[in-house]
Amino acid sequence: MKERSRGERLFQAVLYEVIALVFLTPVYSYALDLPMDNSFATMLMISIAVIIWIYIYNMIFDRAMYARTGLLAHEKTHRLRLLHTILYEVTVTFLAVPIILAMSGKPFWIALLADIGFSFIFAVYTYVFYLVYDRLRPVT
């Protein structure tokens, strides 16, 4: 099976997170009424955790998808892209909520609601990012 190299997967994960940090830190700061420095630190910690997770998650998903369908990462169907996005966002909740709790001082339900809200934003972002990325940088 052809798959992305480790370097390519790392580049993909870092690019994904850098774009997200730039655009979503101000939104997080405003939504939780937190200072920008706290918001940036929180989002950075989540991003580091997610970079590690997304590398592992994409490798597992791509290999499972190939084993079941014979499709490579850039050949995902719309249905597989949706599955990829939804599973990813659900699993990230287990990483993000504890970080939000620790960094924001907000109650659990606020951290959970913040993560759910951002999950919807990130679901759209994730779908579009990987659609564009897979088209621009197909597995070769």
Protein backbone atom coordinates (compact mmCIF):
# COMPACT_ATOMS: atom_id res chain seq x y z
CA MET A 1 0.00 0.00 0.00
CA LYS A 2 1.24 3.46 -0.86
CA GLU A 3 0.93 5.93 1.98
CA ARG A 4 2.25 9.29 3.05
CA SER A 5 5.79 9.37 4.43
CA ARG A 6 6.41 10.24 8.08
CA GLY A 7 7.72 13.62 7.01
CA GLU A 8 4.66 14.29 4.89
CA ARG A 9 2.33 13.28 7.73
CA LEU A 10 4.18 15.56 10.14
CA PHE A 11 4.07 18.45 7.66
CA GLN A 12 0.34 17.85 7.15
CA ALA A 13 -0.36 17.81 10.89
CA VAL A 14 1.69 20.94 11.63
CA LEU A 15 0.16 22.86 8.71
CA TYR A 16 -3.33 21.88 9.88
CA GLU A 17 -2.65 23.14 13.40
CA VAL A 18 -0.84 26.35 12.44
CA ILE A 19 -3.75 27.45 10.24
CA ALA A 20 -6.20 26.58 13.02
CA LEU A 21 -4.17 28.49 15.65
CA VAL A 22 -4.01 31.64 13.57
CA PHE A 23 -7.72 31.77 12.81
CA LEU A 24 -9.34 30.24 15.88
CA THR A 25 -7.39 31.58 18.87
CA PRO A 26 -9.18 34.96 18.68
CA VAL A 27 -12.53 33.19 18.44
CA TYR A 28 -11.73 31.06 21.50
CA SER A 29 -10.59 34.15 23.43
CA TYR A 30 -13.81 36.00 22.65
CA ALA A 31 -16.13 33.02 23.22
CA LEU A 32 -14.74 32.18 26.67
CA ASP A 33 -14.01 35.79 27.64
CA LEU A 34 -10.36 34.99 28.30
CA PRO A 35 -7.23 37.04 27.65
CA MET A 36 -5.53 36.40 24.31
CA ASP A 37 -2.33 35.10 25.97
CA ASN A 38 -4.27 32.48 27.96
CA SER A 39 -6.26 31.57 24.86
CA PHE A 40 -3.12 31.22 22.77
CA ALA A 41 -1.44 29.04 25.44
CA THR A 42 -4.55 26.85 25.69
CA MET A 43 -4.91 26.50 21.94
CA LEU A 44 -1.17 25.81 21.60
CA MET A 45 -1.35 23.01 24.20
CA ILE A 46 -4.36 21.51 22.44
CA SER A 47 -2.55 21.85 19.11
CA ILE A 48 0.52 20.01 20.38
CA ALA A 49 -1.65 17.17 21.69
CA VAL A 50 -3.60 17.12 18.44
CA ILE A 51 -0.48 17.11 16.25
CA ILE A 52 0.64 13.94 17.99
CA TRP A 53 -2.86 12.43 17.83
CA ILE A 54 -3.60 13.39 14.21
CA TYR A 55 -0.40 11.74 13.03
CA ILE A 56 -1.46 8.49 14.71
CA TYR A 57 -5.15 8.86 13.83
CA ASN A 58 -4.52 9.47 10.11
CA MET A 59 -2.14 6.53 9.88
CA ILE A 60 -4.68 4.22 11.55
CA PHE A 61 -7.60 5.58 9.51
CA ASP A 62 -5.74 5.43 6.19
CA ARG A 63 -4.56 1.87 6.79
CA ALA A 64 -8.00 0.70 7.91
CA MET A 65 -9.62 2.44 4.95
CA TYR A 66 -7.15 0.83 2.54
CA ALA A 67 -7.67 -2.61 4.10
CA ARG A 68 -11.47 -2.31 3.81
CA THR A 69 -11.81 -0.42 0.51
CA GLY A 70 -8.47 -0.45 -1.31
CA LEU A 71 -8.58 3.37 -1.45
CA LEU A 72 -5.59 5.59 -0.74
CA ALA A 73 -5.86 8.73 1.42
CA HIS A 74 -6.45 11.09 -1.50
CA GLU A 75 -9.13 8.78 -2.94
CA LYS A 76 -11.56 9.09 0.00
CA THR A 77 -15.19 9.25 -0.99
CA HIS A 78 -17.47 11.93 0.44
CA ARG A 79 -18.87 9.39 2.92
CA LEU A 80 -15.38 8.34 4.04
CA ARG A 81 -14.36 11.99 4.44
CA LEU A 82 -17.38 12.58 6.68
CA LEU A 83 -16.56 9.48 8.73
CA HIS A 84 -12.92 10.58 9.00
CA THR A 85 -13.97 14.04 10.19
CA ILE A 86 -16.60 12.90 12.70
CA LEU A 87 -14.41 10.23 14.30
CA TYR A 88 -11.53 12.66 14.50
CA GLU A 89 -13.58 15.37 16.23
CA VAL A 90 -15.06 12.91 18.73
CA THR A 91 -11.64 11.59 19.71
CA VAL A 92 -10.15 15.09 20.03
CA THR A 93 -12.75 15.90 22.71
CA PHE A 94 -10.96 13.50 25.05
CA LEU A 95 -7.77 15.54 24.58
CA ALA A 96 -9.20 19.05 24.51
CA VAL A 97 -11.64 19.16 27.42
CA PRO A 98 -9.06 18.41 30.16
CA ILE A 99 -6.73 21.06 28.71
CA ILE A 100 -9.52 23.64 28.54
CA LEU A 101 -10.45 22.82 32.15
CA ALA A 102 -6.89 23.20 33.38
CA MET A 103 -6.12 26.39 31.47
CA SER A 104 -9.38 28.32 31.67
CA GLY A 105 -10.56 27.67 35.20
CA LYS A 106 -14.06 27.33 33.78
CA PRO A 107 -16.44 24.60 34.99
CA PHE A 108 -16.59 21.25 33.20
CA TRP A 109 -19.82 22.04 31.37
CA ILE A 110 -18.36 25.27 29.95
CA ALA A 111 -15.23 23.41 28.79
CA LEU A 112 -17.40 20.71 27.24
CA LEU A 113 -19.68 23.24 25.52
CA ALA A 114 -16.65 25.14 24.24
CA ASP A 115 -15.21 21.93 22.84
CA ILE A 116 -18.53 20.94 21.25
CA GLY A 117 -18.83 24.37 19.66
CA PHE A 118 -15.29 24.22 18.35
CA SER A 119 -15.89 20.67 17.16
CA PHE A 120 -18.53 21.96 14.77
CA ILE A 121 -16.17 24.65 13.51
CA PHE A 122 -13.31 22.17 13.25
CA ALA A 123 -15.49 19.57 11.53
CA VAL A 124 -15.99 21.95 8.62
CA TYR A 125 -12.35 23.04 8.73
CA THR A 126 -11.10 19.42 8.88
CA TYR A 127 -13.25 18.35 5.94
CA VAL A 128 -12.14 21.28 3.78
CA PHE A 129 -8.48 21.12 4.83
CA TYR A 130 -8.09 17.43 3.95
CA LEU A 131 -10.09 17.75 0.76
CA VAL A 132 -7.80 20.54 -0.44
CA TYR A 133 -4.63 18.92 0.95
CA ASP A 134 -5.37 15.56 -0.67
CA ARG A 135 -6.00 17.24 -4.00
CA LEU A 136 -2.86 19.40 -3.83
CA ARG A 137 -0.59 16.68 -2.40
CA PRO A 138 -1.88 13.24 -3.50
CA VAL A 139 -0.22 10.06 -2.32
CA THR A 140 2.40 9.12 -4.92
